[in-house]
Amino acid sequence: MKRVVSVSLGTSKRDKTATADFAGVTVKIERRGTDGDKRRFARIIEELDGQVDCFGIGGTDAYLYAGDRRYAFRETLRLMEGARRTPWVDGSGLKNTLERETVRRVQDDGILDWGAMRVLLVSAVDRFGMAQALAERCRSIVFGDLLYGLGLPIPIRSWAVLRRLARIALPVVVRLPIEWLYPTGARQEENTPRFTRFFAEADVIAGDWHMIRRFMPERLDDKIVLTQSSRASETALLRERGASRLITTTPEIAGESFATNAMEAVLVALSGRLPHELNESDYLGTLTSLGWRPSVRDLRESTVGT
């Protein structure tokens, strides 16, 4: 049996353990939140190093992308110094493949017609694959990096502008403390609506779930949410606020979805190779062989479909 552990700076209330079969291989998947405690995060990595097949890291990013340029978060790399034997991933490999493919499949399978959709992507620099795929297809798009990442009242509406700004800002951004940029610990459960008119104007709210949850308004009537993972309580929250559909990029396991970093760790463990040895075609090939497709939940009903 393979074992992967996702260690997160996020809330421990989202912790989950499940066992799943992938093409005849049993994988135990664990998610451990540290409630924003960086010392605890580093200690778990040191204690489990060499005992698991792959780590996923959540509640932070190790790398951000601007086109073909990669920028490393120094603080995250320091937190992972204890992983000397076990490989680790932050989900960026799947974000640039799975999430781009999700956008394509949603269109090709007739789930959504992006050409008719107005989209709010709450943060693009941590999901450049999704951002580019949406920019190429949707009717209109707002990238919320300045709105929700830095609190500036400046929507970005152009893919070209986003790329230019990312190349200017990211060398500075990756030097900042993680919690300045991303909700960690209990902040992942807080809801402080910000720049709500952009939520109201959009047909689809896309991107990182914790960013969506933190800044979304009280009502999301008839909105479609495209994100990386879900828990039963979070699905119930979206239903209560009036959202119509939830589309998740990662497969459902035991009725819920793990984060992108956990699923990337699963693919690395199944491959038996190191993360840097895998490319986009390797990830997509494995996903295809496993029968992956986006999970679609109609929030106006109690049934789940794919």
C-alpha atoms as a PDB file:
ATOM      1  CA  MET A   1       0.000   0.000   0.000  1.00  0.00           C
ATOM      2  CA  LYS A   2       1.182   3.506  -0.837  1.00  0.00           C
ATOM      3  CA  ARG A   3       0.864   6.329   1.684  1.00  0.00           C
ATOM      4  CA  VAL A   4       0.776  10.068   1.025  1.00  0.00           C
ATOM      5  CA  VAL A   5       0.376  12.825   3.593  1.00  0.00           C
ATOM      6  CA  SER A   6      -0.691  16.374   2.842  1.00  0.00           C
ATOM      7  CA  VAL A   7       0.661  18.703   5.515  1.00  0.00           C
ATOM      8  CA  SER A   8      -1.081  22.074   5.549  1.00  0.00           C
ATOM      9  CA  LEU A   9      -0.744  25.424   7.276  1.00  0.00           C
ATOM     10  CA  GLY A  10      -4.531  25.489   7.114  1.00  0.00           C
ATOM     11  CA  THR A  11      -7.097  24.625   9.725  1.00  0.00           C
ATOM     12  CA  SER A  12      -7.016  21.147  11.249  1.00  0.00           C
ATOM     13  CA  LYS A  13     -10.822  21.056  11.008  1.00  0.00           C
ATOM     14  CA  ARG A  14     -10.418  19.984   7.367  1.00  0.00           C
ATOM     15  CA  ASP A  15      -8.309  16.941   8.293  1.00  0.00           C
ATOM     16  CA  LYS A  16      -9.318  13.755   6.562  1.00  0.00           C
ATOM     17  CA  THR A  17      -7.991  10.241   5.997  1.00  0.00           C
ATOM     18  CA  ALA A  18      -9.200   7.956   3.235  1.00  0.00           C
ATOM     19  CA  THR A  19      -8.069   4.858   1.391  1.00  0.00           C
ATOM     20  CA  ALA A  20      -8.697   4.492  -2.318  1.00  0.00           C
ATOM     21  CA  ASP A  21      -7.855   2.067  -5.084  1.00  0.00           C
ATOM     22  CA  PHE A  22      -6.118   3.456  -8.156  1.00  0.00           C
ATOM     23  CA  ALA A  23      -5.787   0.924 -10.970  1.00  0.00           C
ATOM     24  CA  GLY A  24      -5.238  -1.886  -8.494  1.00  0.00           C
ATOM     25  CA  VAL A  25      -2.920   0.046  -6.184  1.00  0.00           C
ATOM     26  CA  THR A  26      -4.226   0.964  -2.740  1.00  0.00           C
ATOM     27  CA  VAL A  27      -3.271   4.426  -1.524  1.00  0.00           C
ATOM     28  CA  LYS A  28      -3.828   5.827   1.942  1.00  0.00           C
ATOM     29  CA  ILE A  29      -4.272   9.601   1.782  1.00  0.00           C
ATOM     30  CA  GLU A  30      -4.015  11.782   4.868  1.00  0.00           C
ATOM     31  CA  ARG A  31      -4.462  15.510   5.329  1.00  0.00           C
ATOM     32  CA  ARG A  32      -2.972  17.124   8.437  1.00  0.00           C
ATOM     33  CA  GLY A  33      -3.620  20.778   9.179  1.00  0.00           C
ATOM     34  CA  THR A  34      -1.366  22.699  11.559  1.00  0.00           C
ATOM     35  CA  ASP A  35      -3.611  25.722  12.212  1.00  0.00           C
ATOM     36  CA  GLY A  36      -0.968  28.088  10.894  1.00  0.00           C
ATOM     37  CA  ASP A  37       1.749  26.752  13.230  1.00  0.00           C
ATOM     38  CA  LYS A  38       4.912  26.702  11.117  1.00  0.00           C
ATOM     39  CA  ARG A  39       7.009  24.917  13.745  1.00  0.00           C
ATOM     40  CA  ARG A  40       4.430  22.150  13.960  1.00  0.00           C
ATOM     41  CA  PHE A  41       4.387  21.946  10.161  1.00  0.00           C
ATOM     42  CA  ALA A  42       8.175  21.515  10.016  1.00  0.00           C
ATOM     43  CA  ARG A  43       8.099  18.977  12.871  1.00  0.00           C
ATOM     44  CA  ILE A  44       5.552  16.765  11.092  1.00  0.00           C
ATOM     45  CA  ILE A  45       7.688  16.813   7.951  1.00  0.00           C
ATOM     46  CA  GLU A  46      10.774  15.768   9.928  1.00  0.00           C
ATOM     47  CA  GLU A  47       8.905  13.019  11.811  1.00  0.00           C
ATOM     48  CA  LEU A  48       7.359  11.468   8.704  1.00  0.00           C
ATOM     49  CA  ASP A  49      10.341  11.856   6.387  1.00  0.00           C
ATOM     50  CA  GLY A  50      11.168   8.462   4.918  1.00  0.00           C
ATOM     51  CA  GLN A  51       7.948   6.899   6.234  1.00  0.00           C
ATOM     52  CA  VAL A  52       5.606   8.013   3.463  1.00  0.00           C
ATOM     53  CA  ASP A  53       5.815   7.792  -0.331  1.00  0.00           C
ATOM     54  CA  CYS A  54       5.195  11.483  -1.001  1.00  0.00           C
ATOM     55  CA  PHE A  55       4.278  14.659   0.841  1.00  0.00           C
ATOM     56  CA  GLY A  56       1.796  17.212  -0.394  1.00  0.00           C
ATOM     57  CA  ILE A  57       2.065  20.672   1.091  1.00  0.00           C
ATOM     58  CA  GLY A  58      -0.980  22.889   1.536  1.00  0.00           C
ATOM     59  CA  GLY A  59      -1.949  26.225   2.993  1.00  0.00           C
ATOM     60  CA  THR A  60       0.950  27.704   1.066  1.00  0.00           C
ATOM     61  CA  ASP A  61       2.669  27.475  -2.295  1.00  0.00           C
ATOM     62  CA  ALA A  62       6.245  26.508  -2.963  1.00  0.00           C
ATOM     63  CA  TYR A  63       6.206  27.970  -6.456  1.00  0.00           C
ATOM     64  CA  LEU A  64       4.306  30.620  -8.378  1.00  0.00           C
ATOM     65  CA  TYR A  65       4.384  30.920 -12.154  1.00  0.00           C
ATOM     66  CA  ALA A  66       4.327  33.700 -14.702  1.00  0.00           C
ATOM     67  CA  GLY A  67       4.248  32.001 -18.073  1.00  0.00           C
ATOM     68  CA  ASP A  68       7.329  29.780 -18.267  1.00  0.00           C
ATOM     69  CA  ARG A  69       9.032  31.470 -15.309  1.00  0.00           C
ATOM     70  CA  ARG A  70       8.918  29.890 -11.871  1.00  0.00           C
ATOM     71  CA  TYR A  71       9.397  31.766  -8.604  1.00  0.00           C
ATOM     72  CA  ALA A  72      10.082  29.971  -5.312  1.00  0.00           C
ATOM     73  CA  PHE A  73       8.639  30.954  -1.936  1.00  0.00           C
ATOM     74  CA  ARG A  74      11.688  31.068   0.301  1.00  0.00           C
ATOM     75  CA  GLU A  75       9.726  30.513   3.508  1.00  0.00           C
ATOM     76  CA  THR A  76       8.001  27.414   2.139  1.00  0.00           C
ATOM     77  CA  LEU A  77      11.287  25.894   1.005  1.00  0.00           C
ATOM     78  CA  ARG A  78      12.677  26.416   4.511  1.00  0.00           C
ATOM     79  CA  LEU A  79       9.665  24.629   5.994  1.00  0.00           C
ATOM     80  CA  MET A  80      10.408  21.629   3.763  1.00  0.00           C
ATOM     81  CA  GLU A  81      14.088  21.301   4.676  1.00  0.00           C
ATOM     82  CA  GLY A  82      13.248  18.303   6.874  1.00  0.00           C
ATOM     83  CA  ALA A  83      12.122  16.265   3.829  1.00  0.00           C
ATOM     84  CA  ARG A  84      15.469  14.672   3.007  1.00  0.00           C
ATOM     85  CA  ARG A  85      14.234  11.264   1.845  1.00  0.00           C
ATOM     86  CA  THR A  86      10.567  11.684   0.953  1.00  0.00           C
ATOM     87  CA  PRO A  87       9.714  13.620  -2.238  1.00  0.00           C
ATOM     88  CA  TRP A  88       7.176  16.434  -1.984  1.00  0.00           C
ATOM     89  CA  VAL A  89       4.894  18.481  -4.212  1.00  0.00           C
ATOM     90  CA  ASP A  90       2.833  21.632  -3.714  1.00  0.00           C
ATOM     91  CA  GLY A  91       0.171  20.909  -6.335  1.00  0.00           C
ATOM     92  CA  SER A  92       1.636  23.208  -8.984  1.00  0.00           C
ATOM     93  CA  GLY A  93       2.266  20.284 -11.338  1.00  0.00           C
ATOM     94  CA  LEU A  94      -1.441  19.475 -11.378  1.00  0.00           C
ATOM     95  CA  LYS A  95      -2.517  23.095 -11.403  1.00  0.00           C
ATOM     96  CA  ASN A  96      -0.723  23.527 -14.707  1.00  0.00           C
ATOM     97  CA  THR A  97      -2.141  20.312 -16.174  1.00  0.00           C
ATOM     98  CA  LEU A  98      -5.271  19.039 -14.406  1.00  0.00           C
ATOM     99  CA  GLU A  99      -6.851  22.458 -14.006  1.00  0.00           C
ATOM    100  CA  ARG A 100      -6.127  23.480 -17.577  1.00  0.00           C
ATOM    101  CA  GLU A 101      -7.609  20.164 -18.718  1.00  0.00           C
ATOM    102  CA  THR A 102     -10.626  20.679 -16.455  1.00  0.00           C
ATOM    103  CA  VAL A 103     -11.503  23.920 -18.225  1.00  0.00           C
ATOM    104  CA  ARG A 104     -11.263  22.172 -21.592  1.00  0.00           C
ATOM    105  CA  ARG A 105     -13.303  19.151 -20.484  1.00  0.00           C
ATOM    106  CA  VAL A 106     -16.038  21.300 -18.972  1.00  0.00           C
ATOM    107  CA  GLN A 107     -16.500  22.877 -22.408  1.00  0.00           C
ATOM    108  CA  ASP A 108     -16.117  19.686 -24.456  1.00  0.00           C
ATOM    109  CA  ASP A 109     -18.499  17.692 -22.242  1.00  0.00           C
ATOM    110  CA  GLY A 110     -21.182  20.369 -22.554  1.00  0.00           C
ATOM    111  CA  ILE A 111     -21.145  21.226 -18.841  1.00  0.00           C
ATOM    112  CA  LEU A 112     -20.570  24.938 -19.507  1.00  0.00           C
ATOM    113  CA  ASP A 113     -20.219  27.125 -22.558  1.00  0.00           C
ATOM    114  CA  TRP A 114     -17.305  29.338 -21.574  1.00  0.00           C
ATOM    115  CA  GLY A 115     -18.041  31.659 -24.456  1.00  0.00           C
ATOM    116  CA  ALA A 116     -21.183  32.765 -22.634  1.00  0.00           C
ATOM    117  CA  MET A 117     -19.620  32.974 -19.182  1.00  0.00           C
ATOM    118  CA  ARG A 118     -18.343  35.934 -17.184  1.00  0.00           C
ATOM    119  CA  VAL A 119     -15.681  34.613 -14.809  1.00  0.00           C
ATOM    120  CA  LEU A 120     -14.059  35.874 -11.619  1.00  0.00           C
ATOM    121  CA  LEU A 121     -10.789  34.051 -10.910  1.00  0.00           C
ATOM    122  CA  VAL A 122      -9.945  35.145  -7.376  1.00  0.00           C
ATOM    123  CA  SER A 123      -6.199  34.569  -7.809  1.00  0.00           C
ATOM    124  CA  ALA A 124      -4.368  33.686 -11.011  1.00  0.00           C
ATOM    125  CA  VAL A 125      -0.674  33.620 -10.053  1.00  0.00           C
ATOM    126  CA  ASP A 126      -1.117  30.358  -8.127  1.00  0.00           C
ATOM    127  CA  ARG A 127      -3.250  28.803 -10.904  1.00  0.00           C
ATOM    128  CA  PHE A 128      -1.664  29.962 -14.135  1.00  0.00           C
ATOM    129  CA  GLY A 129      -2.893  26.925 -16.054  1.00  0.00           C
ATOM    130  CA  MET A 130      -6.514  27.584 -15.146  1.00  0.00           C
ATOM    131  CA  ALA A 131      -6.067  31.303 -15.742  1.00  0.00           C
ATOM    132  CA  GLN A 132      -4.740  30.895 -19.260  1.00  0.00           C
ATOM    133  CA  ALA A 133      -7.331  28.292 -20.217  1.00  0.00           C
ATOM    134  CA  LEU A 134     -10.159  30.520 -18.992  1.00  0.00           C
ATOM    135  CA  ALA A 135      -8.731  33.621 -20.661  1.00  0.00           C
ATOM    136  CA  GLU A 136      -8.663  31.784 -23.987  1.00  0.00           C
ATOM    137  CA  ARG A 137     -12.313  30.697 -23.770  1.00  0.00           C
ATOM    138  CA  CYS A 138     -14.580  32.791 -21.585  1.00  0.00           C
ATOM    139  CA  ARG A 139     -16.725  35.750 -22.545  1.00  0.00           C
ATOM    140  CA  SER A 140     -15.008  38.018 -20.031  1.00  0.00           C
ATOM    141  CA  ILE A 141     -12.728  37.522 -17.046  1.00  0.00           C
ATOM    142  CA  VAL A 142     -11.579  39.386 -13.961  1.00  0.00           C
ATOM    143  CA  PHE A 143      -8.332  38.259 -12.342  1.00  0.00           C
ATOM    144  CA  GLY A 144      -8.616  39.116  -8.649  1.00  0.00           C
ATOM    145  CA  ASP A 145      -4.952  39.051  -7.644  1.00  0.00           C
ATOM    146  CA  LEU A 146      -4.784  42.737  -6.723  1.00  0.00           C
ATOM    147  CA  LEU A 147      -8.330  42.776  -5.351  1.00  0.00           C
ATOM    148  CA  TYR A 148      -8.090  39.801  -3.017  1.00  0.00           C
ATOM    149  CA  GLY A 149      -4.361  39.199  -2.720  1.00  0.00           C
ATOM    150  CA  LEU A 150      -3.270  42.757  -1.967  1.00  0.00           C
ATOM    151  CA  GLY A 151      -6.568  44.503  -1.187  1.00  0.00           C
ATOM    152  CA  LEU A 152      -6.193  47.017  -3.997  1.00  0.00           C
ATOM    153  CA  PRO A 153      -9.369  48.112  -5.857  1.00  0.00           C
ATOM    154  CA  ILE A 154      -7.882  47.218  -9.231  1.00  0.00           C
ATOM    155  CA  PRO A 155      -9.440  44.412 -11.310  1.00  0.00           C
ATOM    156  CA  ILE A 156      -7.217  42.885 -13.984  1.00  0.00           C
ATOM    157  CA  ARG A 157      -9.182  42.098 -17.142  1.00  0.00           C
ATOM    158  CA  SER A 158      -6.417  41.197 -19.585  1.00  0.00           C
ATOM    159  CA  TRP A 159      -4.257  38.073 -19.800  1.00  0.00           C
ATOM    160  CA  ALA A 160      -1.392  40.122 -21.248  1.00  0.00           C
ATOM    161  CA  VAL A 161      -1.587  42.633 -18.388  1.00  0.00           C
ATOM    162  CA  LEU A 162      -1.688  39.818 -15.836  1.00  0.00           C
ATOM    163  CA  ARG A 163       1.472  38.252 -17.270  1.00  0.00           C
ATOM    164  CA  ARG A 164       3.343  41.553 -17.247  1.00  0.00           C
ATOM    165  CA  LEU A 165       2.318  42.369 -13.682  1.00  0.00           C
ATOM    166  CA  ALA A 166       3.167  38.862 -12.498  1.00  0.00           C
ATOM    167  CA  ARG A 167       6.702  39.074 -13.863  1.00  0.00           C
ATOM    168  CA  ILE A 168       7.202  42.398 -12.116  1.00  0.00           C
ATOM    169  CA  ALA A 169       5.589  41.498  -8.785  1.00  0.00           C
ATOM    170  CA  LEU A 170       6.397  37.836  -8.173  1.00  0.00           C
ATOM    171  CA  PRO A 171      10.127  38.256  -7.415  1.00  0.00           C
ATOM    172  CA  VAL A 172       9.019  40.480  -4.509  1.00  0.00           C
ATOM    173  CA  VAL A 173       5.899  38.524  -3.521  1.00  0.00           C
ATOM    174  CA  VAL A 174       7.775  35.258  -2.897  1.00  0.00           C
ATOM    175  CA  ARG A 175       9.908  37.007  -0.265  1.00  0.00           C
ATOM    176  CA  LEU A 176       6.877  37.966   1.839  1.00  0.00           C
ATOM    177  CA  PRO A 177       5.517  35.962   4.817  1.00  0.00           C
ATOM    178  CA  ILE A 178       3.011  33.349   3.661  1.00  0.00           C
ATOM    179  CA  GLU A 179       0.197  34.639   5.872  1.00  0.00           C
ATOM    180  CA  TRP A 180       0.359  38.072   4.250  1.00  0.00           C
ATOM    181  CA  LEU A 181      -0.835  36.569   0.989  1.00  0.00           C
ATOM    182  CA  TYR A 182      -2.907  33.506   1.807  1.00  0.00           C
ATOM    183  CA  PRO A 183      -5.361  32.598   4.591  1.00  0.00           C
ATOM    184  CA  THR A 184      -3.791  30.116   7.001  1.00  0.00           C
ATOM    185  CA  GLY A 185      -5.044  28.468  10.173  1.00  0.00           C
ATOM    186  CA  ALA A 186      -8.365  29.749  11.497  1.00  0.00           C
ATOM    187  CA  ARG A 187      -8.408  32.511   8.857  1.00  0.00           C
ATOM    188  CA  GLN A 188      -9.473  29.821   6.376  1.00  0.00           C
ATOM    189  CA  GLU A 189     -12.815  29.696   8.170  1.00  0.00           C
ATOM    190  CA  GLU A 190     -13.372  33.447   8.280  1.00  0.00           C
ATOM    191  CA  ASN A 191     -15.607  35.270   5.833  1.00  0.00           C
ATOM    192  CA  THR A 192     -14.876  38.947   5.337  1.00  0.00           C
ATOM    193  CA  PRO A 193     -16.583  39.970   2.071  1.00  0.00           C
ATOM    194  CA  ARG A 194     -14.432  42.184  -0.137  1.00  0.00           C
ATOM    195  CA  PHE A 195     -15.122  43.820  -3.516  1.00  0.00           C
ATOM    196  CA  THR A 196     -18.385  41.907  -3.743  1.00  0.00           C
ATOM    197  CA  ARG A 197     -19.549  43.552  -6.966  1.00  0.00           C
ATOM    198  CA  PHE A 198     -17.115  41.377  -8.894  1.00  0.00           C
ATOM    199  CA  PHE A 199     -18.734  38.274  -7.400  1.00  0.00           C
ATOM    200  CA  ALA A 200     -22.154  39.673  -8.296  1.00  0.00           C
ATOM    201  CA  GLU A 201     -21.179  40.400 -11.904  1.00  0.00           C
ATOM    202  CA  ALA A 202     -19.708  36.928 -12.539  1.00  0.00           C
ATOM    203  CA  ASP A 203     -21.488  33.781 -13.675  1.00  0.00           C
ATOM    204  CA  VAL A 204     -18.596  31.581 -12.490  1.00  0.00           C
ATOM    205  CA  ILE A 205     -16.443  32.059  -9.389  1.00  0.00           C
ATOM    206  CA  ALA A 206     -13.166  30.188  -9.906  1.00  0.00           C
ATOM    207  CA  GLY A 207      -9.931  29.530  -8.085  1.00  0.00           C
ATOM    208  CA  ASP A 208      -8.650  28.569  -4.657  1.00  0.00           C
ATOM    209  CA  TRP A 209     -11.450  27.572  -2.301  1.00  0.00           C
ATOM    210  CA  HIS A 210      -9.986  29.296   0.745  1.00  0.00           C
ATOM    211  CA  MET A 211      -9.723  32.603  -1.126  1.00  0.00           C
ATOM    212  CA  ILE A 212     -13.301  32.229  -2.381  1.00  0.00           C
ATOM    213  CA  ARG A 213     -14.614  31.410   1.082  1.00  0.00           C
ATOM    214  CA  ARG A 214     -12.765  34.275   2.754  1.00  0.00           C
ATOM    215  CA  PHE A 215     -14.014  37.016   0.423  1.00  0.00           C
ATOM    216  CA  MET A 216     -17.350  35.814  -0.978  1.00  0.00           C
ATOM    217  CA  PRO A 217     -20.560  37.762  -0.222  1.00  0.00           C
ATOM    218  CA  GLU A 218     -23.518  36.560   1.819  1.00  0.00           C
ATOM    219  CA  ARG A 219     -25.387  35.520  -1.320  1.00  0.00           C
ATOM    220  CA  LEU A 220     -24.125  33.599  -4.336  1.00  0.00           C
ATOM    221  CA  ASP A 221     -27.474  33.109  -6.029  1.00  0.00           C
ATOM    222  CA  ASP A 222     -27.205  31.020  -9.203  1.00  0.00           C
ATOM    223  CA  LYS A 223     -23.392  31.206  -9.232  1.00  0.00           C
ATOM    224  CA  ILE A 224     -21.247  28.317 -10.427  1.00  0.00           C
ATOM    225  CA  VAL A 225     -18.126  27.630  -8.364  1.00  0.00           C
ATOM    226  CA  LEU A 226     -15.047  26.024  -9.949  1.00  0.00           C
ATOM    227  CA  THR A 227     -12.421  25.088  -7.383  1.00  0.00           C
ATOM    228  CA  GLN A 228      -9.906  22.435  -6.375  1.00  0.00           C
ATOM    229  CA  SER A 229     -11.534  20.578  -3.481  1.00  0.00           C
ATOM    230  CA  SER A 230     -14.562  20.387  -1.253  1.00  0.00           C
ATOM    231  CA  ARG A 231     -15.735  19.072   2.086  1.00  0.00           C
ATOM    232  CA  ALA A 232     -19.343  18.245   2.921  1.00  0.00           C
ATOM    233  CA  SER A 233     -19.692  21.286   5.196  1.00  0.00           C
ATOM    234  CA  GLU A 234     -18.303  23.577   2.492  1.00  0.00           C
ATOM    235  CA  THR A 235     -20.692  22.204  -0.083  1.00  0.00           C
ATOM    236  CA  ALA A 236     -23.526  22.833   2.372  1.00  0.00           C
ATOM    237  CA  LEU A 237     -22.290  26.416   2.836  1.00  0.00           C
ATOM    238  CA  LEU A 238     -22.391  27.076  -0.903  1.00  0.00           C
ATOM    239  CA  ARG A 239     -25.866  25.580  -1.105  1.00  0.00           C
ATOM    240  CA  GLU A 240     -27.065  27.800   1.742  1.00  0.00           C
ATOM    241  CA  ARG A 241     -25.745  30.884  -0.058  1.00  0.00           C
ATOM    242  CA  GLY A 242     -27.611  30.017  -3.224  1.00  0.00           C
ATOM    243  CA  ALA A 243     -24.864  28.736  -5.530  1.00  0.00           C
ATOM    244  CA  SER A 244     -26.233  26.503  -8.277  1.00  0.00           C
ATOM    245  CA  ARG A 245     -23.322  24.174  -9.104  1.00  0.00           C
ATOM    246  CA  LEU A 246     -19.946  23.130  -7.714  1.00  0.00           C
ATOM    247  CA  ILE A 247     -17.279  21.821 -10.088  1.00  0.00           C
ATOM    248  CA  THR A 248     -14.151  20.369  -8.516  1.00  0.00           C
ATOM    249  CA  THR A 249     -10.989  19.523 -10.397  1.00  0.00           C
ATOM    250  CA  THR A 250      -9.837  16.680  -8.139  1.00  0.00           C
ATOM    251  CA  PRO A 251     -11.584  13.288  -7.948  1.00  0.00           C
ATOM    252  CA  GLU A 252     -14.071  12.617  -5.176  1.00  0.00           C
ATOM    253  CA  ILE A 253     -12.932  10.083  -2.588  1.00  0.00           C
ATOM    254  CA  ALA A 254     -15.410   8.972   0.075  1.00  0.00           C
ATOM    255  CA  GLY A 255     -17.784  11.715  -1.093  1.00  0.00           C
ATOM    256  CA  GLU A 256     -15.300  14.587  -0.764  1.00  0.00           C
ATOM    257  CA  SER A 257     -12.331  15.972  -2.664  1.00  0.00           C
ATOM    258  CA  PHE A 258      -8.774  16.313  -1.440  1.00  0.00           C
ATOM    259  CA  ALA A 259      -6.715  19.352  -2.383  1.00  0.00           C
ATOM    260  CA  THR A 260      -4.587  19.507  -5.525  1.00  0.00           C
ATOM    261  CA  ASN A 261      -1.353  18.970  -3.613  1.00  0.00           C
ATOM    262  CA  ALA A 262      -2.656  15.717  -2.115  1.00  0.00           C
ATOM    263  CA  MET A 263      -3.741  14.359  -5.481  1.00  0.00           C
ATOM    264  CA  GLU A 264      -0.440  15.319  -7.079  1.00  0.00           C
ATOM    265  CA  ALA A 265       1.293  13.426  -4.272  1.00  0.00           C
ATOM    266  CA  VAL A 266      -0.872  10.399  -5.128  1.00  0.00           C
ATOM    267  CA  LEU A 267       0.221  10.530  -8.778  1.00  0.00           C
ATOM    268  CA  VAL A 268       3.887  10.798  -7.784  1.00  0.00           C
ATOM    269  CA  ALA A 269       3.535   7.829  -5.421  1.00  0.00           C
ATOM    270  CA  LEU A 270       1.820   5.755  -8.122  1.00  0.00           C
ATOM    271  CA  SER A 271       4.516   6.595 -10.667  1.00  0.00           C
ATOM    272  CA  GLY A 272       7.402   5.491  -8.482  1.00  0.00           C
ATOM    273  CA  ARG A 273       9.386   8.421  -9.877  1.00  0.00           C
ATOM    274  CA  LEU A 274      10.543  11.747  -8.489  1.00  0.00           C
ATOM    275  CA  PRO A 275       8.435  14.847  -9.158  1.00  0.00           C
ATOM    276  CA  HIS A 276      11.041  16.502 -11.376  1.00  0.00           C
ATOM    277  CA  GLU A 277      11.021  13.392 -13.587  1.00  0.00           C
ATOM    278  CA  LEU A 278       7.335  13.838 -14.442  1.00  0.00           C
ATOM    279  CA  ASN A 279       6.029  16.165 -17.122  1.00  0.00           C
ATOM    280  CA  GLU A 280       2.597  17.304 -18.255  1.00  0.00           C
ATOM    281  CA  SER A 281       2.003  14.267 -20.470  1.00  0.00           C
ATOM    282  CA  ASP A 282       2.900  11.938 -17.580  1.00  0.00           C
ATOM    283  CA  TYR A 283       0.299  13.550 -15.321  1.00  0.00           C
ATOM    284  CA  LEU A 284      -2.386  13.600 -18.006  1.00  0.00           C
ATOM    285  CA  GLY A 285      -1.616  10.047 -19.078  1.00  0.00           C
ATOM    286  CA  THR A 286      -2.006   8.770 -15.527  1.00  0.00           C
ATOM    287  CA  LEU A 287      -5.208  10.730 -15.006  1.00  0.00           C
ATOM    288  CA  THR A 288      -6.643   9.360 -18.240  1.00  0.00           C
ATOM    289  CA  SER A 289      -5.770   5.788 -17.278  1.00  0.00           C
ATOM    290  CA  LEU A 290      -7.513   6.309 -13.933  1.00  0.00           C
ATOM    291  CA  GLY A 291     -10.675   7.535 -15.687  1.00  0.00           C
ATOM    292  CA  TRP A 292     -10.521  11.021 -14.211  1.00  0.00           C
ATOM    293  CA  ARG A 293     -13.094  13.645 -15.114  1.00  0.00           C
ATOM    294  CA  PRO A 294     -14.281  16.799 -13.309  1.00  0.00           C
ATOM    295  CA  SER A 295     -16.752  16.278 -10.482  1.00  0.00           C
ATOM    296  CA  VAL A 296     -19.982  18.218 -10.928  1.00  0.00           C
ATOM    297  CA  ARG A 297     -22.426  18.693  -8.082  1.00  0.00           C
ATOM    298  CA  ASP A 298     -25.850  20.265  -8.585  1.00  0.00           C
ATOM    299  CA  LEU A 299     -26.323  22.233  -5.361  1.00  0.00           C
ATOM    300  CA  ARG A 300     -30.047  22.505  -5.940  1.00  0.00           C
ATOM    301  CA  GLU A 301     -30.317  18.731  -5.542  1.00  0.00           C
ATOM    302  CA  SER A 302     -28.865  16.192  -3.147  1.00  0.00           C
ATOM    303  CA  THR A 303     -27.377  13.945  -5.848  1.00  0.00           C
ATOM    304  CA  VAL A 304     -23.787  13.917  -7.001  1.00  0.00           C
ATOM    305  CA  GLY A 305     -22.721  13.332 -10.584  1.00  0.00           C
ATOM    306  CA  THR A 306     -19.584  13.255 -12.668  1.00  0.00           C
END
